[in-house]
């Protein structure tokens, strides 16, 4: 999700040195403007919070349910980012990339 987010920011020539800054830019540039559904912002924030907890917090076990939910939300986010980038001409269409 994060690298998809960075690609979205890059095409607008936006950047930040912190993950939280990237989240704030996504909210400002994409979620609040309606370019992306607010649910994708919530998914992005939840993924970031979970990463912070599981990477840096106390030992916590990730349940299969949480893992499956995170994977499903990541797939939706990445697909939306790809679609947006494709609509701007920054990615080849699926049929174009299949033929190469």
PDB file of N, CA and C in Angstrom:
ATOM      1  N   UNK A   1       0.817  -1.191   0.000  1.00  0.00           N
ATOM      2  CA  UNK A   1       0.000   0.000   0.000  1.00  0.00           C
ATOM      3  C   UNK A   1       0.865   1.260   0.000  1.00  0.00           C
ATOM      4  N   UNK A   2       1.913   1.218   0.795  1.00  0.00           N
ATOM      5  CA  UNK A   2       2.723   2.421   0.950  1.00  0.00           C
ATOM      6  C   UNK A   2       3.401   2.822  -0.353  1.00  0.00           C
ATOM      7  N   UNK A   3       3.907   1.850  -1.088  1.00  0.00           N
ATOM      8  CA  UNK A   3       4.579   2.198  -2.340  1.00  0.00           C
ATOM      9  C   UNK A   3       3.583   2.670  -3.393  1.00  0.00           C
ATOM     10  N   UNK A   4       2.371   2.150  -3.350  1.00  0.00           N
ATOM     11  CA  UNK A   4       1.321   2.672  -4.226  1.00  0.00           C
ATOM     12  C   UNK A   4       1.019   4.121  -3.866  1.00  0.00           C
ATOM     13  N   UNK A   5       0.975   4.388  -2.575  1.00  0.00           N
ATOM     14  CA  UNK A   5       0.760   5.752  -2.101  1.00  0.00           C
ATOM     15  C   UNK A   5       1.884   6.674  -2.581  1.00  0.00           C
ATOM     16  N   UNK A   6       3.122   6.212  -2.478  1.00  0.00           N
ATOM     17  CA  UNK A   6       4.245   7.034  -2.937  1.00  0.00           C
ATOM     18  C   UNK A   6       4.156   7.310  -4.431  1.00  0.00           C
ATOM     19  N   UNK A   7       3.687   6.345  -5.213  1.00  0.00           N
ATOM     20  CA  UNK A   7       3.526   6.561  -6.648  1.00  0.00           C
ATOM     21  C   UNK A   7       2.472   7.630  -6.909  1.00  0.00           C
ATOM     22  N   UNK A   8       1.371   7.586  -6.164  1.00  0.00           N
ATOM     23  CA  UNK A   8       0.323   8.603  -6.318  1.00  0.00           C
ATOM     24  C   UNK A   8       0.871   9.994  -5.998  1.00  0.00           C
ATOM     25  N   UNK A   9       1.638  10.081  -4.936  1.00  0.00           N
ATOM     26  CA  UNK A   9       2.207  11.371  -4.546  1.00  0.00           C
ATOM     27  C   UNK A   9       3.249  11.845  -5.553  1.00  0.00           C
ATOM     28  N   UNK A  10       4.013  10.924  -6.097  1.00  0.00           N
ATOM     29  CA  UNK A  10       5.075  11.287  -7.038  1.00  0.00           C
ATOM     30  C   UNK A  10       4.514  11.931  -8.301  1.00  0.00           C
ATOM     31  N   UNK A  11       3.380  11.435  -8.789  1.00  0.00           N
ATOM     32  CA  UNK A  11       2.835  12.024 -10.019  1.00  0.00           C
ATOM     33  C   UNK A  11       2.314  13.441  -9.774  1.00  0.00           C
ATOM     34  N   UNK A  12       2.092  13.781  -8.529  1.00  0.00           N
ATOM     35  CA  UNK A  12       1.728  15.159  -8.184  1.00  0.00           C
ATOM     36  C   UNK A  12       2.928  15.947  -7.689  1.00  0.00           C
ATOM     37  N   UNK A  13       4.088  15.346  -7.791  1.00  0.00           N
ATOM     38  CA  UNK A  13       5.345  15.944  -7.350  1.00  0.00           C
ATOM     39  C   UNK A  13       5.288  16.341  -5.871  1.00  0.00           C
ATOM     40  N   UNK A  14       4.741  15.434  -5.085  1.00  0.00           N
ATOM     41  CA  UNK A  14       4.661  15.619  -3.639  1.00  0.00           C
ATOM     42  C   UNK A  14       5.496  14.555  -2.965  1.00  0.00           C
ATOM     43  N   UNK A  15       6.106  14.904  -1.882  1.00  0.00           N
ATOM     44  CA  UNK A  15       6.896  13.944  -1.141  1.00  0.00           C
ATOM     45  C   UNK A  15       7.018  14.349   0.310  1.00  0.00           C
ATOM     46  N   UNK A  16       7.464  13.409   1.101  1.00  0.00           N
ATOM     47  CA  UNK A  16       7.647  13.640   2.522  1.00  0.00           C
ATOM     48  C   UNK A  16       8.655  12.627   3.037  1.00  0.00           C
ATOM     49  N   UNK A  17       9.293  12.941   4.124  1.00  0.00           N
ATOM     50  CA  UNK A  17      10.288  12.024   4.674  1.00  0.00           C
ATOM     51  C   UNK A  17       9.696  11.088   5.728  1.00  0.00           C
ATOM     52  N   UNK A  18       8.425  11.256   6.040  1.00  0.00           N
ATOM     53  CA  UNK A  18       7.807  10.440   7.092  1.00  0.00           C
ATOM     54  C   UNK A  18       6.553   9.753   6.568  1.00  0.00           C
ATOM     55  N   UNK A  19       6.305   8.576   7.109  1.00  0.00           N
ATOM     56  CA  UNK A  19       5.095   7.845   6.743  1.00  0.00           C
ATOM     57  C   UNK A  19       3.846   8.651   7.093  1.00  0.00           C
ATOM     58  N   UNK A  20       3.852   9.277   8.259  1.00  0.00           N
ATOM     59  CA  UNK A  20       2.681  10.049   8.666  1.00  0.00           C
ATOM     60  C   UNK A  20       2.429  11.221   7.728  1.00  0.00           C
ATOM     61  N   UNK A  21       3.497  11.793   7.198  1.00  0.00           N
ATOM     62  CA  UNK A  21       3.352  12.873   6.227  1.00  0.00           C
ATOM     63  C   UNK A  21       2.717  12.385   4.946  1.00  0.00           C
ATOM     64  N   UNK A  22       3.094  11.179   4.518  1.00  0.00           N
ATOM     65  CA  UNK A  22       2.505  10.600   3.309  1.00  0.00           C
ATOM     66  C   UNK A  22       1.016  10.340   3.514  1.00  0.00           C
ATOM     67  N   UNK A  23       0.654   9.861   4.700  1.00  0.00           N
ATOM     68  CA  UNK A  23      -0.764   9.632   5.001  1.00  0.00           C
ATOM     69  C   UNK A  23      -1.540  10.948   4.968  1.00  0.00           C
ATOM     70  N   UNK A  24      -0.965  11.973   5.553  1.00  0.00           N
ATOM     71  CA  UNK A  24      -1.632  13.281   5.573  1.00  0.00           C
ATOM     72  C   UNK A  24      -1.788  13.838   4.158  1.00  0.00           C
ATOM     73  N   UNK A  25      -0.768  13.657   3.329  1.00  0.00           N
ATOM     74  CA  UNK A  25      -0.866  14.123   1.944  1.00  0.00           C
ATOM     75  C   UNK A  25      -1.931  13.361   1.177  1.00  0.00           C
ATOM     76  N   UNK A  26      -2.027  12.047   1.400  1.00  0.00           N
ATOM     77  CA  UNK A  26      -3.083  11.266   0.738  1.00  0.00           C
ATOM     78  C   UNK A  26      -4.448  11.804   1.130  1.00  0.00           C
ATOM     79  N   UNK A  27      -4.641  12.039   2.417  1.00  0.00           N
ATOM     80  CA  UNK A  27      -5.926  12.561   2.876  1.00  0.00           C
ATOM     81  C   UNK A  27      -6.243  13.896   2.213  1.00  0.00           C
ATOM     82  N   UNK A  28      -5.270  14.792   2.217  1.00  0.00           N
ATOM     83  CA  UNK A  28      -5.483  16.128   1.658  1.00  0.00           C
ATOM     84  C   UNK A  28      -5.695  16.106   0.146  1.00  0.00           C
ATOM     85  N   UNK A  29      -4.865  15.370  -0.553  1.00  0.00           N
ATOM     86  CA  UNK A  29      -4.857  15.415  -2.016  1.00  0.00           C
ATOM     87  C   UNK A  29      -5.857  14.470  -2.681  1.00  0.00           C
ATOM     88  N   UNK A  30      -6.202  13.386  -2.014  1.00  0.00           N
ATOM     89  CA  UNK A  30      -7.010  12.363  -2.670  1.00  0.00           C
ATOM     90  C   UNK A  30      -8.321  12.056  -1.957  1.00  0.00           C
ATOM     91  N   UNK A  31      -8.292  11.869  -0.641  1.00  0.00           N
ATOM     92  CA  UNK A  31      -9.514  11.493   0.072  1.00  0.00           C
ATOM     93  C   UNK A  31     -10.467  12.680   0.223  1.00  0.00           C
ATOM     94  N   UNK A  32      -9.953  13.803   0.677  1.00  0.00           N
ATOM     95  CA  UNK A  32     -10.820  14.968   0.906  1.00  0.00           C
ATOM     96  C   UNK A  32     -11.352  15.571  -0.387  1.00  0.00           C
ATOM     97  N   UNK A  33     -10.631  15.358  -1.489  1.00  0.00           N
ATOM     98  CA  UNK A  33     -11.081  15.896  -2.776  1.00  0.00           C
ATOM     99  C   UNK A  33     -12.074  14.976  -3.467  1.00  0.00           C
ATOM    100  N   UNK A  34     -12.222  13.766  -2.956  1.00  0.00           N
ATOM    101  CA  UNK A  34     -13.135  12.805  -3.568  1.00  0.00           C
ATOM    102  C   UNK A  34     -12.500  11.976  -4.668  1.00  0.00           C
ATOM    103  N   UNK A  35     -11.208  12.149  -4.911  1.00  0.00           N
ATOM    104  CA  UNK A  35     -10.530  11.355  -5.937  1.00  0.00           C
ATOM    105  C   UNK A  35     -10.494   9.880  -5.555  1.00  0.00           C
ATOM    106  N   UNK A  36     -10.470   9.620  -4.261  1.00  0.00           N
ATOM    107  CA  UNK A  36     -10.517   8.259  -3.727  1.00  0.00           C
ATOM    108  C   UNK A  36     -11.550   8.226  -2.608  1.00  0.00           C
ATOM    109  N   UNK A  37     -12.233   7.096  -2.450  1.00  0.00           N
ATOM    110  CA  UNK A  37     -13.200   6.981  -1.348  1.00  0.00           C
ATOM    111  C   UNK A  37     -12.512   7.115   0.008  1.00  0.00           C
ATOM    112  N   UNK A  38     -13.200   7.713   0.954  1.00  0.00           N
ATOM    113  CA  UNK A  38     -12.625   7.878   2.299  1.00  0.00           C
ATOM    114  C   UNK A  38     -12.311   6.539   2.958  1.00  0.00           C
ATOM    115  N   UNK A  39     -13.017   5.491   2.541  1.00  0.00           N
ATOM    116  CA  UNK A  39     -12.739   4.167   3.099  1.00  0.00           C
ATOM    117  C   UNK A  39     -11.297   3.750   2.812  1.00  0.00           C
ATOM    118  N   UNK A  40     -10.768   4.151   1.668  1.00  0.00           N
ATOM    119  CA  UNK A  40      -9.377   3.812   1.366  1.00  0.00           C
ATOM    120  C   UNK A  40      -8.421   4.539   2.299  1.00  0.00           C
ATOM    121  N   UNK A  41      -8.774   5.741   2.703  1.00  0.00           N
ATOM    122  CA  UNK A  41      -7.964   6.456   3.691  1.00  0.00           C
ATOM    123  C   UNK A  41      -8.008   5.722   5.024  1.00  0.00           C
ATOM    124  N   UNK A  42      -9.193   5.278   5.410  1.00  0.00           N
ATOM    125  CA  UNK A  42      -9.315   4.533   6.677  1.00  0.00           C
ATOM    126  C   UNK A  42      -8.490   3.246   6.619  1.00  0.00           C
ATOM    127  N   UNK A  43      -8.542   2.549   5.486  1.00  0.00           N
ATOM    128  CA  UNK A  43      -7.763   1.318   5.333  1.00  0.00           C
ATOM    129  C   UNK A  43      -6.267   1.601   5.415  1.00  0.00           C
ATOM    130  N   UNK A  44      -5.846   2.680   4.789  1.00  0.00           N
ATOM    131  CA  UNK A  44      -4.437   3.058   4.800  1.00  0.00           C
ATOM    132  C   UNK A  44      -3.973   3.383   6.221  1.00  0.00           C
ATOM    133  N   UNK A  45      -4.762   4.158   6.938  1.00  0.00           N
ATOM    134  CA  UNK A  45      -4.417   4.508   8.313  1.00  0.00           C
ATOM    135  C   UNK A  45      -4.399   3.278   9.218  1.00  0.00           C
ATOM    136  N   UNK A  46      -5.374   2.391   9.027  1.00  0.00           N
ATOM    137  CA  UNK A  46      -5.427   1.176   9.839  1.00  0.00           C
ATOM    138  C   UNK A  46      -4.207   0.301   9.570  1.00  0.00           C
ATOM    139  N   UNK A  47      -3.820   0.171   8.308  1.00  0.00           N
ATOM    140  CA  UNK A  47      -2.634  -0.627   7.968  1.00  0.00           C
ATOM    141  C   UNK A  47      -1.387  -0.025   8.617  1.00  0.00           C
ATOM    142  N   UNK A  48      -1.281   1.293   8.580  1.00  0.00           N
ATOM    143  CA  UNK A  48      -0.132   1.962   9.203  1.00  0.00           C
ATOM    144  C   UNK A  48      -0.129   1.719  10.712  1.00  0.00           C
ATOM    145  N   UNK A  49      -1.292   1.884  11.346  1.00  0.00           N
ATOM    146  CA  UNK A  49      -1.378   1.668  12.792  1.00  0.00           C
ATOM    147  C   UNK A  49      -1.016   0.233  13.165  1.00  0.00           C
ATOM    148  N   UNK A  50      -1.514  -0.704  12.370  1.00  0.00           N
ATOM    149  CA  UNK A  50      -1.194  -2.109  12.643  1.00  0.00           C
ATOM    150  C   UNK A  50       0.295  -2.365  12.472  1.00  0.00           C
ATOM    151  N   UNK A  51       0.880  -1.801  11.444  1.00  0.00           N
ATOM    152  CA  UNK A  51       2.315  -1.986  11.232  1.00  0.00           C
ATOM    153  C   UNK A  51       3.099  -1.448  12.421  1.00  0.00           C
ATOM    154  N   UNK A  52       2.720  -0.282  12.891  1.00  0.00           N
ATOM    155  CA  UNK A  52       3.400   0.298  14.054  1.00  0.00           C
ATOM    156  C   UNK A  52       3.275  -0.634  15.260  1.00  0.00           C
ATOM    157  N   UNK A  53       2.090  -1.142  15.483  1.00  0.00           N
ATOM    158  CA  UNK A  53       1.843  -2.021  16.628  1.00  0.00           C
ATOM    159  C   UNK A  53       2.641  -3.304  16.522  1.00  0.00           C
ATOM    160  N   UNK A  54       2.564  -3.956  15.366  1.00  0.00           N
ATOM    161  CA  UNK A  54       3.189  -5.268  15.233  1.00  0.00           C
ATOM    162  C   UNK A  54       4.692  -5.193  15.010  1.00  0.00           C
ATOM    163  N   UNK A  55       5.189  -4.094  14.460  1.00  0.00           N
ATOM    164  CA  UNK A  55       6.635  -3.965  14.260  1.00  0.00           C
ATOM    165  C   UNK A  55       7.345  -3.396  15.483  1.00  0.00           C
ATOM    166  N   UNK A  56       6.696  -2.463  16.164  1.00  0.00           N
ATOM    167  CA  UNK A  56       7.394  -1.722  17.217  1.00  0.00           C
ATOM    168  C   UNK A  56       6.770  -1.833  18.602  1.00  0.00           C
ATOM    169  N   UNK A  57       5.579  -2.363  18.693  1.00  0.00           N
ATOM    170  CA  UNK A  57       4.904  -2.452  19.977  1.00  0.00           C
ATOM    171  C   UNK A  57       5.289  -3.711  20.727  1.00  0.00           C
ATOM    172  N   UNK A  58       4.546  -3.936  21.777  1.00  0.00           N
ATOM    173  CA  UNK A  58       4.763  -5.155  22.540  1.00  0.00           C
ATOM    174  C   UNK A  58       4.384  -6.351  21.676  1.00  0.00           C
ATOM    175  N   UNK A  59       4.862  -7.487  22.077  1.00  0.00           N
ATOM    176  CA  UNK A  59       4.563  -8.704  21.319  1.00  0.00           C
ATOM    177  C   UNK A  59       3.048  -8.887  21.232  1.00  0.00           C
ATOM    178  N   UNK A  60       2.557  -8.901  20.026  1.00  0.00           N
ATOM    179  CA  UNK A  60       1.131  -9.109  19.793  1.00  0.00           C
ATOM    180  C   UNK A  60       0.994 -10.087  18.638  1.00  0.00           C
ATOM    181  N   UNK A  61       0.055 -10.972  18.767  1.00  0.00           N
ATOM    182  CA  UNK A  61      -0.143 -11.981  17.744  1.00  0.00           C
ATOM    183  C   UNK A  61      -1.147 -11.490  16.705  1.00  0.00           C
ATOM    184  N   UNK A  62      -0.785 -11.651  15.448  1.00  0.00           N
ATOM    185  CA  UNK A  62      -1.685 -11.308  14.351  1.00  0.00           C
ATOM    186  C   UNK A  62      -2.557 -12.523  14.107  1.00  0.00           C
ATOM    187  N   UNK A  63      -3.852 -12.321  14.167  1.00  0.00           N
ATOM    188  CA  UNK A  63      -4.767 -13.433  13.910  1.00  0.00           C
ATOM    189  C   UNK A  63      -4.942 -13.612  12.407  1.00  0.00           C
ATOM    190  N   UNK A  64      -5.321 -14.794  11.973  1.00  0.00           N
ATOM    191  CA  UNK A  64      -5.592 -14.991  10.547  1.00  0.00           C
ATOM    192  C   UNK A  64      -6.666 -14.025  10.027  1.00  0.00           C
ATOM    193  N   UNK A  65      -7.644 -13.710  10.853  1.00  0.00           N
ATOM    194  CA  UNK A  65      -8.707 -12.784  10.443  1.00  0.00           C
ATOM    195  C   UNK A  65      -8.131 -11.388  10.164  1.00  0.00           C
ATOM    196  N   UNK A  66      -7.274 -10.901  11.044  1.00  0.00           N
ATOM    197  CA  UNK A  66      -6.663  -9.581  10.848  1.00  0.00           C
ATOM    198  C   UNK A  66      -5.768  -9.600   9.615  1.00  0.00           C
ATOM    199  N   UNK A  67      -4.994 -10.665   9.441  1.00  0.00           N
ATOM    200  CA  UNK A  67      -4.111 -10.766   8.287  1.00  0.00           C
ATOM    201  C   UNK A  67      -4.920 -10.791   6.991  1.00  0.00           C
ATOM    202  N   UNK A  68      -5.967 -11.590   6.948  1.00  0.00           N
ATOM    203  CA  UNK A  68      -6.796 -11.672   5.743  1.00  0.00           C
ATOM    204  C   UNK A  68      -7.481 -10.348   5.431  1.00  0.00           C
ATOM    205  N   UNK A  69      -7.940  -9.649   6.470  1.00  0.00           N
ATOM    206  CA  UNK A  69      -8.571  -8.346   6.266  1.00  0.00           C
ATOM    207  C   UNK A  69      -7.554  -7.346   5.717  1.00  0.00           C
ATOM    208  N   UNK A  70      -6.352  -7.351   6.278  1.00  0.00           N
ATOM    209  CA  UNK A  70      -5.309  -6.435   5.820  1.00  0.00           C
ATOM    210  C   UNK A  70      -4.935  -6.709   4.362  1.00  0.00           C
ATOM    211  N   UNK A  71      -4.836  -7.962   4.001  1.00  0.00           N
ATOM    212  CA  UNK A  71      -4.501  -8.324   2.618  1.00  0.00           C
ATOM    213  C   UNK A  71      -5.610  -7.877   1.671  1.00  0.00           C
ATOM    214  N   UNK A  72      -6.851  -8.110   2.054  1.00  0.00           N
ATOM    215  CA  UNK A  72      -7.982  -7.717   1.204  1.00  0.00           C
ATOM    216  C   UNK A  72      -8.019  -6.199   1.022  1.00  0.00           C
ATOM    217  N   UNK A  73      -7.814  -5.450   2.095  1.00  0.00           N
ATOM    218  CA  UNK A  73      -7.824  -3.987   2.011  1.00  0.00           C
ATOM    219  C   UNK A  73      -6.642  -3.474   1.188  1.00  0.00           C
ATOM    220  N   UNK A  74      -5.502  -4.124   1.313  1.00  0.00           N
ATOM    221  CA  UNK A  74      -4.326  -3.725   0.530  1.00  0.00           C
ATOM    222  C   UNK A  74      -4.582  -3.950  -0.957  1.00  0.00           C
ATOM    223  N   UNK A  75      -5.196  -5.065  -1.300  1.00  0.00           N
ATOM    224  CA  UNK A  75      -5.505  -5.342  -2.710  1.00  0.00           C
ATOM    225  C   UNK A  75      -6.436  -4.281  -3.288  1.00  0.00           C
ATOM    226  N   UNK A  76      -7.434  -3.878  -2.514  1.00  0.00           N
ATOM    227  CA  UNK A  76      -8.375  -2.846  -2.973  1.00  0.00           C
ATOM    228  C   UNK A  76      -7.646  -1.519  -3.159  1.00  0.00           C
ATOM    229  N   UNK A  77      -6.795  -1.162  -2.201  1.00  0.00           N
ATOM    230  CA  UNK A  77      -6.067   0.098  -2.287  1.00  0.00           C
ATOM    231  C   UNK A  77      -5.133   0.110  -3.499  1.00  0.00           C
ATOM    232  N   UNK A  78      -4.365  -0.949  -3.671  1.00  0.00           N
ATOM    233  CA  UNK A  78      -3.412  -1.014  -4.783  1.00  0.00           C
ATOM    234  C   UNK A  78      -4.156  -0.982  -6.116  1.00  0.00           C
ATOM    235  N   UNK A  79      -5.269  -1.693  -6.211  1.00  0.00           N
ATOM    236  CA  UNK A  79      -6.052  -1.681  -7.455  1.00  0.00           C
ATOM    237  C   UNK A  79      -6.584  -0.283  -7.758  1.00  0.00           C
ATOM    238  N   UNK A  80      -7.036   0.434  -6.731  1.00  0.00           N
ATOM    239  CA  UNK A  80      -7.532   1.802  -6.932  1.00  0.00           C
ATOM    240  C   UNK A  80      -6.397   2.728  -7.359  1.00  0.00           C
ATOM    241  N   UNK A  81      -5.231   2.568  -6.749  1.00  0.00           N
ATOM    242  CA  UNK A  81      -4.078   3.390  -7.122  1.00  0.00           C
ATOM    243  C   UNK A  81      -3.659   3.095  -8.561  1.00  0.00           C
ATOM    244  N   UNK A  82      -3.611   1.821  -8.923  1.00  0.00           N
ATOM    245  CA  UNK A  82      -3.255   1.462 -10.297  1.00  0.00           C
ATOM    246  C   UNK A  82      -4.251   2.040 -11.292  1.00  0.00           C
ATOM    247  N   UNK A  83      -5.515   1.934 -10.983  1.00  0.00           N
ATOM    248  CA  UNK A  83      -6.552   2.471 -11.868  1.00  0.00           C
ATOM    249  C   UNK A  83      -6.388   3.974 -12.044  1.00  0.00           C
ATOM    250  N   UNK A  84      -6.127   4.659 -10.944  1.00  0.00           N
ATOM    251  CA  UNK A  84      -5.943   6.118 -10.996  1.00  0.00           C
ATOM    252  C   UNK A  84      -4.717   6.472 -11.841  1.00  0.00           C
ATOM    253  N   UNK A  85      -3.615   5.785 -11.586  1.00  0.00           N
ATOM    254  CA  UNK A  85      -2.387   6.054 -12.336  1.00  0.00           C
ATOM    255  C   UNK A  85      -2.570   5.725 -13.819  1.00  0.00           C
ATOM    256  N   UNK A  86      -3.300   4.655 -14.107  1.00  0.00           N
ATOM    257  CA  UNK A  86      -3.578   4.283 -15.498  1.00  0.00           C
ATOM    258  C   UNK A  86      -4.415   5.363 -16.174  1.00  0.00           C
ATOM    259  N   UNK A  87      -5.403   5.909 -15.451  1.00  0.00           N
ATOM    260  CA  UNK A  87      -6.276   6.935 -16.026  1.00  0.00           C
ATOM    261  C   UNK A  87      -5.502   8.214 -16.351  1.00  0.00           C
ATOM    262  N   UNK A  88      -4.389   8.420 -15.664  1.00  0.00           N
ATOM    263  CA  UNK A  88      -3.542   9.590 -15.913  1.00  0.00           C
ATOM    264  C   UNK A  88      -2.459   9.308 -16.953  1.00  0.00           C
ATOM    265  N   UNK A  89      -2.409   8.077 -17.439  1.00  0.00           N
ATOM    266  CA  UNK A  89      -1.411   7.704 -18.433  1.00  0.00           C
ATOM    267  C   UNK A  89      -0.060   7.330 -17.855  1.00  0.00           C
ATOM    268  N   UNK A  90      -0.005   7.057 -16.557  1.00  0.00           N
ATOM    269  CA  UNK A  90       1.265   6.715 -15.920  1.00  0.00           C
ATOM    270  C   UNK A  90       1.513   5.214 -15.839  1.00  0.00           C
ATOM    271  N   UNK A  91       0.515   4.406 -16.183  1.00  0.00           N
ATOM    272  CA  UNK A  91       0.661   2.956 -16.241  1.00  0.00           C
ATOM    273  C   UNK A  91       0.032   2.472 -17.524  1.00  0.00           C
ATOM    274  N   UNK A  92       0.613   1.434 -18.101  1.00  0.00           N
ATOM    275  CA  UNK A  92      -0.007   0.823 -19.272  1.00  0.00           C
ATOM    276  C   UNK A  92      -1.268   0.101 -18.841  1.00  0.00           C
ATOM    277  N   UNK A  93      -2.207  -0.018 -19.746  1.00  0.00           N
ATOM    278  CA  UNK A  93      -3.406  -0.788 -19.431  1.00  0.00           C
ATOM    279  C   UNK A  93      -3.024  -2.239 -19.277  1.00  0.00           C
ATOM    280  N   UNK A  94      -3.868  -3.007 -18.626  1.00  0.00           N
ATOM    281  CA  UNK A  94      -3.578  -4.422 -18.385  1.00  0.00           C
ATOM    282  C   UNK A  94      -3.339  -5.154 -19.697  1.00  0.00           C
ATOM    283  N   UNK A  95      -4.116  -4.864 -20.738  1.00  0.00           N
ATOM    284  CA  UNK A  95      -3.938  -5.543 -22.022  1.00  0.00           C
ATOM    285  C   UNK A  95      -2.614  -5.161 -22.680  1.00  0.00           C
ATOM    286  N   UNK A  96      -2.184  -3.913 -22.505  1.00  0.00           N
ATOM    287  CA  UNK A  96      -0.896  -3.481 -23.068  1.00  0.00           C
ATOM    288  C   UNK A  96       0.275  -4.162 -22.369  1.00  0.00           C
ATOM    289  N   UNK A  97       0.170  -4.293 -21.049  1.00  0.00           N
ATOM    290  CA  UNK A  97       1.276  -4.906 -20.311  1.00  0.00           C
ATOM    291  C   UNK A  97       1.314  -6.418 -20.530  1.00  0.00           C
ATOM    292  N   UNK A  98       0.161  -7.037 -20.835  1.00  0.00           N
ATOM    293  CA  UNK A  98       0.130  -8.475 -21.112  1.00  0.00           C
ATOM    294  C   UNK A  98       0.795  -8.804 -22.441  1.00  0.00           C
ATOM    295  N   UNK A  99       0.730  -7.896 -23.391  1.00  0.00           N
ATOM    296  CA  UNK A  99       1.261  -8.154 -24.725  1.00  0.00           C
ATOM    297  C   UNK A  99       2.758  -7.880 -24.833  1.00  0.00           C
ATOM    298  N   UNK A 100       3.367  -7.317 -23.789  1.00  0.00           N
ATOM    299  CA  UNK A 100       4.801  -7.027 -23.877  1.00  0.00           C
ATOM    300  C   UNK A 100       5.641  -8.178 -23.431  1.00  0.00           C
TER     301      UNK A 100
END
